[in-house]
Protein backbone atom coordinates (compact mmCIF):
# COMPACT_ATOMS: atom_id res chain seq x y z
CA MET A 1 10.33 -8.42 15.24
CA THR A 2 8.43 -9.40 12.12
CA SER A 3 5.00 -11.01 12.08
CA ARG A 4 3.01 -13.12 9.67
CA PRO A 5 -0.72 -13.50 9.15
CA PRO A 6 -2.21 -16.89 10.02
CA GLN A 7 -0.52 -19.40 7.72
CA HIS A 8 -3.69 -20.86 6.28
CA TYR A 9 -5.83 -17.76 6.59
CA SER A 10 -9.04 -17.96 4.56
CA PRO A 11 -10.94 -14.64 4.44
CA ALA A 12 -14.73 -14.67 4.48
CA PRO A 13 -16.30 -13.77 1.13
CA ASP A 14 -17.87 -10.63 2.64
CA LEU A 15 -14.81 -9.70 4.74
CA LEU A 16 -14.74 -6.09 3.51
CA LYS A 17 -18.43 -5.56 2.79
CA ASP A 18 -19.43 -1.88 2.79
CA ARG A 19 -15.87 -0.67 3.42
CA VAL A 20 -14.29 2.13 1.40
CA ILE A 21 -10.60 1.50 0.71
CA LEU A 22 -8.03 3.59 -1.15
CA VAL A 23 -5.21 1.76 -2.94
CA THR A 24 -2.23 3.64 -4.35
CA GLY A 25 -0.40 2.24 -7.35
CA ALA A 26 -3.60 0.41 -8.24
CA GLY A 27 -2.87 0.16 -11.95
CA ASP A 28 -0.29 -2.61 -11.88
CA GLY A 29 1.34 -5.39 -9.90
CA ILE A 30 0.51 -5.75 -6.22
CA GLY A 31 -1.68 -2.65 -6.15
CA ARG A 32 -3.87 -3.97 -8.93
CA ALA A 33 -4.11 -7.39 -7.29
CA ALA A 34 -4.98 -5.83 -3.93
CA ALA A 35 -7.67 -3.59 -5.42
CA ILE A 36 -9.28 -6.54 -7.19
CA ALA A 37 -9.06 -8.71 -4.05
CA PHE A 38 -10.56 -6.03 -1.82
CA ALA A 39 -13.43 -5.50 -4.26
CA ALA A 40 -14.00 -9.25 -4.53
CA HIS A 41 -14.52 -9.29 -0.76
CA GLY A 42 -17.08 -6.50 -0.80
CA ALA A 43 -15.14 -3.23 -0.64
CA THR A 44 -15.67 -0.12 -2.71
CA VAL A 45 -12.16 0.62 -3.89
CA ILE A 46 -10.68 3.98 -4.88
CA LEU A 47 -8.01 3.36 -7.48
CA LEU A 48 -5.18 5.91 -7.30
CA GLY A 49 -2.24 6.06 -9.66
CA LYS A 50 -0.57 8.18 -12.31
CA THR A 51 -1.49 6.21 -15.47
CA VAL A 52 -5.19 6.46 -16.27
CA ALA A 53 -5.19 3.62 -18.80
CA ARG A 54 -3.87 1.18 -16.21
CA LEU A 55 -6.36 2.35 -13.61
CA GLU A 56 -9.13 1.87 -16.16
CA ALA A 57 -7.97 -1.69 -16.78
CA THR A 58 -8.20 -2.44 -13.05
CA TYR A 59 -11.60 -0.75 -12.97
CA ASP A 60 -12.82 -2.90 -15.84
CA ALA A 61 -11.59 -6.10 -14.16
CA ILE A 62 -13.53 -5.25 -11.00
CA GLU A 63 -16.67 -4.33 -12.94
CA LYS A 64 -16.47 -7.47 -15.08
CA ALA A 65 -16.37 -9.60 -11.93
CA GLY A 66 -19.60 -8.01 -10.75
CA ASN A 67 -18.07 -6.47 -7.63
CA PRO A 68 -18.84 -3.01 -6.15
CA GLN A 69 -18.19 -0.21 -8.61
CA PRO A 70 -14.77 1.32 -7.94
CA ALA A 71 -13.65 4.90 -8.44
CA ILE A 72 -10.60 6.27 -10.25
CA TYR A 73 -8.45 9.10 -8.91
CA PRO A 74 -5.41 9.94 -11.08
CA LEU A 75 -2.49 11.48 -9.17
CA ASP A 76 1.27 11.49 -9.71
CA LEU A 77 2.87 11.16 -6.27
CA ARG A 78 6.18 12.51 -7.52
CA GLY A 79 4.84 16.05 -7.80
CA ALA A 80 1.82 16.01 -5.47
CA THR A 81 1.58 18.56 -2.66
CA LEU A 82 -0.41 18.71 0.56
CA ALA A 83 -3.04 20.74 -1.30
CA ASP A 84 -3.47 17.86 -3.76
CA TYR A 85 -4.02 15.40 -0.91
CA GLN A 86 -6.48 17.76 0.74
CA SER A 87 -8.42 17.84 -2.54
CA LEU A 88 -8.37 14.04 -2.49
CA ARG A 89 -9.82 14.08 1.03
CA GLU A 90 -12.56 16.50 0.00
CA THR A 91 -13.49 14.31 -2.97
CA ILE A 92 -13.66 11.14 -0.86
CA GLU A 93 -15.68 12.90 1.82
CA HIS A 94 -18.14 14.23 -0.75
CA GLU A 95 -18.52 10.94 -2.62
CA PHE A 96 -18.31 8.40 0.21
CA GLY A 97 -18.50 10.22 3.54
CA ARG A 98 -15.65 8.27 5.12
CA LEU A 99 -12.61 6.10 4.50
CA ASP A 100 -12.11 2.69 6.10
CA GLY A 101 -8.77 1.63 4.64
CA LEU A 102 -5.63 3.03 3.03
CA LEU A 103 -3.04 0.84 1.33
CA HIS A 104 0.18 2.71 0.60
CA ASN A 105 1.44 0.47 -2.19
CA ALA A 106 2.89 2.85 -4.80
CA GLY A 107 6.67 3.16 -4.83
CA ILE A 108 9.71 3.52 -7.07
CA LEU A 109 12.99 1.63 -7.01
CA GLY A 110 15.39 4.37 -8.05
CA GLN A 111 19.05 3.76 -8.82
CA ARG A 112 20.72 0.55 -7.67
CA LYS A 113 24.06 2.23 -6.94
CA ALA A 114 26.44 2.90 -4.09
CA ILE A 115 25.48 5.89 -1.94
CA GLU A 116 28.57 7.66 -3.27
CA ASP A 117 27.28 7.32 -6.84
CA THR A 118 23.60 8.06 -6.20
CA SER A 119 22.42 11.29 -7.79
CA GLU A 120 20.74 13.99 -5.74
CA ASN A 121 17.71 13.97 -8.03
CA ASP A 122 17.21 10.22 -7.73
CA TRP A 123 17.53 10.39 -3.95
CA ARG A 124 14.95 13.16 -3.83
CA ASP A 125 12.51 11.35 -6.13
CA VAL A 126 12.65 8.07 -4.22
CA LEU A 127 12.15 9.72 -0.83
CA GLN A 128 9.35 11.88 -2.26
CA VAL A 129 7.35 8.97 -3.67
CA ASN A 130 8.13 6.32 -1.07
CA VAL A 131 8.03 8.40 2.13
CA THR A 132 6.90 12.01 1.80
CA SER A 133 3.82 11.15 -0.24
CA ASN A 134 2.84 8.58 2.40
CA PHE A 135 3.20 11.20 5.13
CA LEU A 136 1.25 13.88 3.27
CA MET A 137 -1.53 11.55 2.14
CA THR A 138 -1.94 10.04 5.59
CA LYS A 139 -1.93 13.49 7.21
CA ALA A 140 -4.66 14.66 4.84
CA LEU A 141 -6.82 11.54 5.11
CA LEU A 142 -6.63 10.88 8.85
CA PRO A 143 -9.77 12.91 9.64
CA LEU A 144 -11.73 10.59 7.34
CA LEU A 145 -10.10 7.43 8.67
CA LYS A 146 -10.93 8.47 12.23
CA GLN A 147 -14.62 8.58 11.26
CA SER A 148 -14.54 4.87 10.46
CA GLU A 149 -15.59 2.32 13.05
CA ASP A 150 -12.62 0.07 12.17
CA ALA A 151 -9.99 1.77 10.02
CA ARG A 152 -6.74 0.37 8.64
CA ILE A 153 -3.57 1.95 7.27
CA VAL A 154 -1.15 -0.48 5.64
CA PHE A 155 2.29 0.69 4.52
CA THR A 156 4.52 -1.25 2.14
CA SER A 157 7.91 -2.20 3.55
CA SER A 158 10.79 -4.37 2.31
CA GLY A 159 13.45 -6.69 3.61
CA VAL A 160 16.02 -3.99 2.83
CA GLY A 161 14.05 -1.65 5.08
CA ARG A 162 14.89 -3.83 8.07
CA LYS A 163 18.53 -4.58 7.34
CA GLY A 164 20.44 -2.31 5.01
CA ARG A 165 22.19 -3.85 2.02
CA ALA A 166 24.82 -2.45 -0.30
CA TYR A 167 23.62 -0.75 -3.48
CA TRP A 168 20.02 -0.42 -2.37
CA GLY A 169 20.60 3.26 -1.64
CA ALA A 170 17.63 5.56 -1.38
CA TYR A 171 15.12 2.72 -1.72
CA ALA A 172 16.40 0.96 1.41
CA VAL A 173 16.53 4.24 3.33
CA SER A 174 12.96 5.02 2.26
CA LYS A 175 11.75 1.68 3.58
CA PHE A 176 13.51 2.16 6.92
CA ALA A 177 11.67 5.50 7.08
CA THR A 178 8.38 3.81 6.19
CA GLU A 179 8.78 1.37 9.09
CA GLY A 180 9.45 4.31 11.41
CA LEU A 181 6.47 6.31 10.15
CA MET A 182 4.23 3.30 10.71
CA GLN A 183 5.48 2.79 14.26
CA VAL A 184 5.04 6.44 15.20
CA LEU A 185 1.50 6.55 13.79
CA ALA A 186 0.55 3.29 15.45
CA ASP A 187 1.71 4.60 18.82
CA GLU A 188 -0.06 7.92 18.33
CA LEU A 189 -3.37 6.50 17.13
CA GLY A 190 -3.64 3.15 18.88
CA SER A 191 -5.15 4.42 22.13
CA ILE A 192 -7.19 7.36 20.82
CA SER A 193 -8.89 6.00 17.70
CA THR A 194 -10.01 2.88 15.87
CA VAL A 195 -7.25 3.37 13.27
CA ARG A 196 -4.80 0.47 13.19
CA THR A 197 -1.49 0.93 11.40
CA ASN A 198 0.86 -1.79 10.17
CA CYS A 199 3.52 -2.56 7.53
CA ILE A 200 3.64 -5.39 5.03
CA ASN A 201 6.68 -6.70 3.20
CA PRO A 202 5.46 -8.45 0.03
CA GLY A 203 8.67 -10.45 -0.35
CA PRO A 204 9.93 -11.70 -3.73
CA THR A 205 6.97 -11.31 -6.08
CA ASN A 206 6.72 -11.34 -9.86
CA THR A 207 6.30 -7.60 -10.43
CA HIS A 208 7.90 -5.05 -12.72
CA MET A 209 9.90 -3.61 -9.82
CA ARG A 210 11.23 -7.02 -8.82
CA ARG A 211 12.26 -7.78 -12.39
CA SER A 212 14.05 -4.43 -12.59
CA ALA A 213 15.89 -5.03 -9.32
CA TYR A 214 16.88 -8.61 -10.22
CA PRO A 215 17.21 -8.77 -14.02
CA GLY A 216 19.03 -12.12 -13.86
CA GLU A 217 16.31 -13.82 -11.83
CA ILE A 218 13.77 -16.12 -13.46
CA PRO A 219 10.52 -14.20 -12.79
CA THR A 220 8.35 -17.28 -12.53
CA THR A 221 10.31 -18.52 -9.51
CA ASN A 222 8.41 -15.89 -7.51
CA PRO A 223 4.68 -15.94 -6.75
CA GLU A 224 2.30 -13.73 -8.70
CA PRO A 225 0.79 -10.80 -6.76
CA VAL A 226 -2.57 -12.54 -6.53
CA GLN A 227 -0.93 -15.39 -4.61
CA ILE A 228 0.02 -13.19 -1.63
CA MET A 229 -3.31 -11.41 -1.21
CA SER A 230 -4.43 -13.30 1.88
CA ALA A 231 -1.95 -11.25 3.93
CA TYR A 232 -3.34 -8.00 2.55
CA LEU A 233 -6.91 -9.06 3.21
CA TYR A 234 -6.02 -10.06 6.75
CA LEU A 235 -4.46 -6.69 7.57
CA MET A 236 -7.22 -4.68 5.88
CA GLY A 237 -10.13 -6.53 7.45
CA PRO A 238 -11.71 -7.12 10.86
CA ASP A 239 -9.82 -10.36 11.50
CA SER A 240 -6.76 -8.26 12.38
CA THR A 241 -8.58 -6.20 14.99
CA GLY A 242 -6.13 -5.38 17.77
CA VAL A 243 -3.08 -5.78 15.55
CA ASN A 244 -1.23 -2.47 15.58
CA GLY A 245 2.32 -1.27 15.01
CA GLU A 246 3.58 -4.53 13.55
CA SER A 247 5.65 -5.33 10.48
CA PHE A 248 4.36 -8.33 8.53
CA ASP A 249 5.84 -10.63 5.90
CA ALA A 250 3.30 -11.57 3.26
CA GLN A 251 5.05 -14.84 2.50
CA TRP A 252 5.88 -17.75 4.75
CA ARG A 253 8.81 -19.05 2.74
């Protein structure tokens, strides 16, 4: 069963005050919009991604708005190992002492081909970035998240991760796996910690990935990333206390 945040949810200006939140894929699209929105509501945001120039642009936007100073952590999820994520944990612990939120937003589309025609390398890359990196990063960062009084982990799902569709190949499989990882973690952590774990499906949004997946679609028929941020704020903040193990749609349409 899918869920939705309150339809007319209006987050308080200080919703995320004093929280430390890590956003992956923070240099572009939904990740950039989420990082800026979290900072605008009081959070100190750690911007993680592989392209430093894009992360710096997000950093500058947050600084220009007068919001809490963010931090940049460059990392390419395609080649990252558990040791890399453990180094990330050590850096966050040294600089901030804890972690209150983790948004797994980064992902790759891969080949839009039949399973029969999907290359082994593409399959491996998509599963590595979309699933294995989420597992390894979460595993490494859980000790910090458990130190928070009210922690959140939000995974990024998709409609094709709930019902498989032809030619979505490794991407669809990776999103089914993401839903499963979220459910297992939610069940494991729900009764023994303050960590709450959920999925969010952004829906059709005007991003580079969406334009690549649907090249014949008019991009402006879909909302901009900033227009779906209320759902992300809801799941990352205290208003969703008690919500655990659910899969949300960011859009009501």
